[in-house]
Amino acid sequence: GEEAAFRALGRAHDESGTGAPVTW
């Protein structure tokens, strides 16, 4: 589940600049 969640967080960063990029 963490993989799906962090990939979504990475996309959120790409789209809005929120948070940070995530590489898995």
PDB file of all heavy atoms in Angstrom:
ATOM      1  N   GLY A   1       0.805  -1.213   0.000  1.00  0.00           N
ATOM      2  CA  GLY A   1       0.000   0.000   0.000  1.00  0.00           C
ATOM      3  C   GLY A   1       0.837   1.262   0.000  1.00  0.00           C
ATOM      4  O   GLY A   1       0.462   2.273  -0.605  1.00  0.00           O
ATOM      5  N   GLU A   2       1.980   1.209   0.684  1.00  0.00           N
ATOM      6  CA  GLU A   2       2.833   2.391   0.731  1.00  0.00           C
ATOM      7  C   GLU A   2       3.332   2.779  -0.652  1.00  0.00           C
ATOM      8  O   GLU A   2       3.498   3.967  -0.951  1.00  0.00           O
ATOM      9  CB  GLU A   2       4.029   2.146   1.664  1.00  0.00           C
ATOM     10  CG  GLU A   2       3.670   2.016   3.127  1.00  0.00           C
ATOM     11  CD  GLU A   2       3.451   0.575   3.552  1.00  0.00           C
ATOM     12  OE1 GLU A   2       3.257  -0.288   2.666  1.00  0.00           O
ATOM     13  OE2 GLU A   2       3.469   0.317   4.764  1.00  0.00           O
ATOM     14  N   GLU A   3       3.575   1.788  -1.505  1.00  0.00           N
ATOM     15  CA  GLU A   3       4.042   2.107  -2.851  1.00  0.00           C
ATOM     16  C   GLU A   3       3.004   2.928  -3.601  1.00  0.00           C
ATOM     17  O   GLU A   3       3.322   3.965  -4.199  1.00  0.00           O
ATOM     18  CB  GLU A   3       4.359   0.826  -3.624  1.00  0.00           C
ATOM     19  CG  GLU A   3       4.824   1.099  -5.047  1.00  0.00           C
ATOM     20  CD  GLU A   3       5.121  -0.168  -5.834  1.00  0.00           C
ATOM     21  OE1 GLU A   3       5.020  -1.276  -5.255  1.00  0.00           O
ATOM     22  OE2 GLU A   3       5.443  -0.052  -7.031  1.00  0.00           O
ATOM     23  N   ALA A   4       1.750   2.480  -3.568  1.00  0.00           N
ATOM     24  CA  ALA A   4       0.685   3.220  -4.252  1.00  0.00           C
ATOM     25  C   ALA A   4       0.538   4.618  -3.671  1.00  0.00           C
ATOM     26  O   ALA A   4       0.365   5.603  -4.412  1.00  0.00           O
ATOM     27  CB  ALA A   4      -0.631   2.448  -4.141  1.00  0.00           C
ATOM     28  N   ALA A   5       0.619   4.726  -2.350  1.00  0.00           N
ATOM     29  CA  ALA A   5       0.452   6.024  -1.710  1.00  0.00           C
ATOM     30  C   ALA A   5       1.589   6.980  -2.075  1.00  0.00           C
ATOM     31  O   ALA A   5       1.347   8.150  -2.407  1.00  0.00           O
ATOM     32  CB  ALA A   5       0.377   5.838  -0.192  1.00  0.00           C
ATOM     33  N   PHE A   6       2.817   6.476  -2.048  1.00  0.00           N
ATOM     34  CA  PHE A   6       3.943   7.359  -2.347  1.00  0.00           C
ATOM     35  C   PHE A   6       4.013   7.711  -3.831  1.00  0.00           C
ATOM     36  O   PHE A   6       4.446   8.808  -4.185  1.00  0.00           O
ATOM     37  CB  PHE A   6       5.252   6.741  -1.859  1.00  0.00           C
ATOM     38  CG  PHE A   6       5.557   7.069  -0.431  1.00  0.00           C
ATOM     39  CD1 PHE A   6       5.226   6.181   0.573  1.00  0.00           C
ATOM     40  CD2 PHE A   6       6.139   8.274  -0.084  1.00  0.00           C
ATOM     41  CE1 PHE A   6       5.484   6.482   1.903  1.00  0.00           C
ATOM     42  CE2 PHE A   6       6.400   8.588   1.238  1.00  0.00           C
ATOM     43  CZ  PHE A   6       6.075   7.690   2.243  1.00  0.00           C
ATOM     44  N   ARG A   7       3.600   6.794  -4.687  1.00  0.00           N
ATOM     45  CA  ARG A   7       3.545   7.154  -6.115  1.00  0.00           C
ATOM     46  C   ARG A   7       2.522   8.274  -6.323  1.00  0.00           C
ATOM     47  O   ARG A   7       2.743   9.192  -7.126  1.00  0.00           O
ATOM     48  CB  ARG A   7       3.225   5.933  -6.959  1.00  0.00           C
ATOM     49  CG  ARG A   7       4.383   4.930  -7.049  1.00  0.00           C
ATOM     50  CD  ARG A   7       4.099   3.838  -8.070  1.00  0.00           C
ATOM     51  NE  ARG A   7       5.112   2.807  -8.079  1.00  0.00           N
ATOM     52  CZ  ARG A   7       6.282   2.878  -8.714  1.00  0.00           C
ATOM     53  NH1 ARG A   7       6.594   3.984  -9.380  1.00  0.00           N
ATOM     54  NH2 ARG A   7       7.142   1.867  -8.694  1.00  0.00           N
ATOM     55  N   ALA A   8       1.412   8.207  -5.600  1.00  0.00           N
ATOM     56  CA  ALA A   8       0.411   9.277  -5.696  1.00  0.00           C
ATOM     57  C   ALA A   8       0.968  10.591  -5.152  1.00  0.00           C
ATOM     58  O   ALA A   8       0.725  11.665  -5.725  1.00  0.00           O
ATOM     59  CB  ALA A   8      -0.850   8.876  -4.932  1.00  0.00           C
ATOM     60  N   LEU A   9       1.728  10.516  -4.079  1.00  0.00           N
ATOM     61  CA  LEU A   9       2.339  11.729  -3.531  1.00  0.00           C
ATOM     62  C   LEU A   9       3.357  12.316  -4.512  1.00  0.00           C
ATOM     63  O   LEU A   9       3.468  13.529  -4.643  1.00  0.00           O
ATOM     64  CB  LEU A   9       3.008  11.419  -2.195  1.00  0.00           C
ATOM     65  CG  LEU A   9       2.066  11.132  -1.021  1.00  0.00           C
ATOM     66  CD1 LEU A   9       2.866  10.698   0.192  1.00  0.00           C
ATOM     67  CD2 LEU A   9       1.214  12.350  -0.697  1.00  0.00           C
ATOM     68  N   GLY A  10       4.087  11.440  -5.189  1.00  0.00           N
ATOM     69  CA  GLY A  10       5.025  11.914  -6.201  1.00  0.00           C
ATOM     70  C   GLY A  10       4.310  12.625  -7.339  1.00  0.00           C
ATOM     71  O   GLY A  10       4.766  13.663  -7.830  1.00  0.00           O
ATOM     72  N   ARG A  11       3.161  12.068  -7.758  1.00  0.00           N
ATOM     73  CA  ARG A  11       2.370  12.724  -8.822  1.00  0.00           C
ATOM     74  C   ARG A  11       1.823  14.065  -8.342  1.00  0.00           C
ATOM     75  O   ARG A  11       1.771  15.039  -9.100  1.00  0.00           O
ATOM     76  CB  ARG A  11       1.238  11.812  -9.274  1.00  0.00           C
ATOM     77  CG  ARG A  11       1.699  10.592 -10.061  1.00  0.00           C
ATOM     78  CD  ARG A  11       0.542   9.888 -10.748  1.00  0.00           C
ATOM     79  NE  ARG A  11      -0.411   9.352  -9.798  1.00  0.00           N
ATOM     80  CZ  ARG A  11      -0.327   8.145  -9.237  1.00  0.00           C
ATOM     81  NH1 ARG A  11       0.696   7.356  -9.534  1.00  0.00           N
ATOM     82  NH2 ARG A  11      -1.254   7.725  -8.398  1.00  0.00           N
ATOM     83  N   ALA A  12       1.417  14.111  -7.070  1.00  0.00           N
ATOM     84  CA  ALA A  12       0.918  15.371  -6.513  1.00  0.00           C
ATOM     85  C   ALA A  12       1.989  16.451  -6.575  1.00  0.00           C
ATOM     86  O   ALA A  12       1.708  17.613  -6.892  1.00  0.00           O
ATOM     87  CB  ALA A  12       0.452  15.162  -5.072  1.00  0.00           C
ATOM     88  N   HIS A  13       3.222  16.041  -6.300  1.00  0.00           N
ATOM     89  CA  HIS A  13       4.315  17.007  -6.396  1.00  0.00           C
ATOM     90  C   HIS A  13       4.500  17.466  -7.839  1.00  0.00           C
ATOM     91  O   HIS A  13       4.671  18.655  -8.106  1.00  0.00           O
ATOM     92  CB  HIS A  13       5.623  16.397  -5.882  1.00  0.00           C
ATOM     93  CG  HIS A  13       6.815  17.247  -6.181  1.00  0.00           C
ATOM     94  ND1 HIS A  13       7.107  18.389  -5.483  1.00  0.00           N
ATOM     95  CD2 HIS A  13       7.764  17.146  -7.145  1.00  0.00           C
ATOM     96  CE1 HIS A  13       8.195  18.948  -5.981  1.00  0.00           C
ATOM     97  NE2 HIS A  13       8.605  18.218  -6.988  1.00  0.00           N
ATOM     98  N   ASP A  14       4.472  16.526  -8.773  1.00  0.00           N
ATOM     99  CA  ASP A  14       4.665  16.866 -10.183  1.00  0.00           C
ATOM    100  C   ASP A  14       3.586  17.823 -10.673  1.00  0.00           C
ATOM    101  O   ASP A  14       3.845  18.710 -11.495  1.00  0.00           O
ATOM    102  CB  ASP A  14       4.656  15.598 -11.039  1.00  0.00           C
ATOM    103  CG  ASP A  14       5.841  14.699 -10.750  1.00  0.00           C
ATOM    104  OD1 ASP A  14       6.840  15.190 -10.180  1.00  0.00           O
ATOM    105  OD2 ASP A  14       5.769  13.499 -11.075  1.00  0.00           O
ATOM    106  N   GLU A  15       2.361  17.644 -10.171  1.00  0.00           N
ATOM    107  CA  GLU A  15       1.235  18.431 -10.664  1.00  0.00           C
ATOM    108  C   GLU A  15       1.086  19.777  -9.974  1.00  0.00           C
ATOM    109  O   GLU A  15       0.657  20.758 -10.588  1.00  0.00           O
ATOM    110  CB  GLU A  15      -0.059  17.621 -10.490  1.00  0.00           C
ATOM    111  CG  GLU A  15      -0.100  16.378 -11.372  1.00  0.00           C
ATOM    112  CD  GLU A  15      -1.225  15.431 -10.985  1.00  0.00           C
ATOM    113  OE1 GLU A  15      -1.993  15.769 -10.057  1.00  0.00           O
ATOM    114  OE2 GLU A  15      -1.327  14.353 -11.607  1.00  0.00           O
ATOM    115  N   SER A  16       1.410  19.839  -8.682  1.00  0.00           N
ATOM    116  CA  SER A  16       1.138  21.064  -7.933  1.00  0.00           C
ATOM    117  C   SER A  16       2.343  21.638  -7.200  1.00  0.00           C
ATOM    118  O   SER A  16       2.262  22.733  -6.645  1.00  0.00           O
ATOM    119  CB  SER A  16       0.029  20.803  -6.905  1.00  0.00           C
ATOM    120  OG  SER A  16       0.486  19.902  -5.915  1.00  0.00           O
ATOM    121  N   GLY A  17       3.439  20.897  -7.175  1.00  0.00           N
ATOM    122  CA  GLY A  17       4.610  21.361  -6.439  1.00  0.00           C
ATOM    123  C   GLY A  17       4.523  21.099  -4.953  1.00  0.00           C
ATOM    124  O   GLY A  17       5.409  21.494  -4.194  1.00  0.00           O
ATOM    125  N   THR A  18       3.480  20.391  -4.520  1.00  0.00           N
ATOM    126  CA  THR A  18       3.323  20.063  -3.106  1.00  0.00           C
ATOM    127  C   THR A  18       4.313  18.986  -2.704  1.00  0.00           C
ATOM    128  O   THR A  18       4.574  18.051  -3.451  1.00  0.00           O
ATOM    129  CB  THR A  18       1.892  19.554  -2.842  1.00  0.00           C
ATOM    130  OG1 THR A  18       0.974  20.539  -3.277  1.00  0.00           O
ATOM    131  CG2 THR A  18       1.675  19.260  -1.369  1.00  0.00           C
ATOM    132  N   GLY A  19       4.855  19.098  -1.496  1.00  0.00           N
ATOM    133  CA  GLY A  19       5.712  18.037  -0.979  1.00  0.00           C
ATOM    134  C   GLY A  19       7.026  17.919  -1.721  1.00  0.00           C
ATOM    135  O   GLY A  19       7.766  18.883  -1.856  1.00  0.00           O
ATOM    136  N   ALA A  20       7.307  16.704  -2.217  1.00  0.00           N
ATOM    137  CA  ALA A  20       8.600  16.437  -2.842  1.00  0.00           C
ATOM    138  C   ALA A  20       8.452  15.314  -3.866  1.00  0.00           C
ATOM    139  O   ALA A  20       7.501  14.534  -3.816  1.00  0.00           O
ATOM    140  CB  ALA A  20       9.612  16.036  -1.778  1.00  0.00           C
ATOM    141  N   PRO A  21       9.407  15.212  -4.804  1.00  0.00           N
ATOM    142  CA  PRO A  21       9.378  14.088  -5.746  1.00  0.00           C
ATOM    143  C   PRO A  21       9.698  12.772  -5.032  1.00  0.00           C
ATOM    144  O   PRO A  21      10.426  12.753  -4.037  1.00  0.00           O
ATOM    145  CB  PRO A  21      10.463  14.453  -6.764  1.00  0.00           C
ATOM    146  CG  PRO A  21      11.366  15.395  -6.045  1.00  0.00           C
ATOM    147  CD  PRO A  21      10.510  16.145  -5.074  1.00  0.00           C
ATOM    148  N   VAL A  22       9.124  11.680  -5.540  1.00  0.00           N
ATOM    149  CA  VAL A  22       9.332  10.352  -4.974  1.00  0.00           C
ATOM    150  C   VAL A  22       9.768   9.410  -6.085  1.00  0.00           C
ATOM    151  O   VAL A  22       9.121   9.340  -7.142  1.00  0.00           O
ATOM    152  CB  VAL A  22       8.044   9.808  -4.322  1.00  0.00           C
ATOM    153  CG1 VAL A  22       8.290   8.404  -3.765  1.00  0.00           C
ATOM    154  CG2 VAL A  22       7.557  10.747  -3.221  1.00  0.00           C
ATOM    155  N   THR A  23      10.854   8.690  -5.868  1.00  0.00           N
ATOM    156  CA  THR A  23      11.338   7.680  -6.811  1.00  0.00           C
ATOM    157  C   THR A  23      11.288   6.329  -6.114  1.00  0.00           C
ATOM    158  O   THR A  23      11.787   6.180  -4.995  1.00  0.00           O
ATOM    159  CB  THR A  23      12.787   7.983  -7.242  1.00  0.00           C
ATOM    160  OG1 THR A  23      12.836   9.292  -7.818  1.00  0.00           O
ATOM    161  CG2 THR A  23      13.267   6.966  -8.268  1.00  0.00           C
ATOM    162  N   TRP A  24      10.685   5.323  -6.781  1.00  0.00           N
ATOM    163  CA  TRP A  24      10.482   4.014  -6.156  1.00  0.00           C
ATOM    164  C   TRP A  24      11.109   2.941  -7.036  1.00  0.00           C
ATOM    165  O   TRP A  24      10.765   2.803  -8.202  1.00  0.00           O
ATOM    166  CB  TRP A  24       8.990   3.746  -6.002  1.00  0.00           C
ATOM    167  CG  TRP A  24       8.656   2.622  -5.059  1.00  0.00           C
ATOM    168  CD1 TRP A  24       8.830   1.286  -5.272  1.00  0.00           C
ATOM    169  CD2 TRP A  24       8.096   2.745  -3.750  1.00  0.00           C
ATOM    170  NE1 TRP A  24       8.416   0.574  -4.191  1.00  0.00           N
ATOM    171  CE2 TRP A  24       7.960   1.439  -3.236  1.00  0.00           C
ATOM    172  CE3 TRP A  24       7.689   3.831  -2.972  1.00  0.00           C
ATOM    173  CZ2 TRP A  24       7.430   1.179  -1.966  1.00  0.00           C
ATOM    174  CZ3 TRP A  24       7.163   3.582  -1.723  1.00  0.00           C
ATOM    175  CH2 TRP A  24       7.039   2.269  -1.223  1.00  0.00           C
TER     176      TRP A  24
END
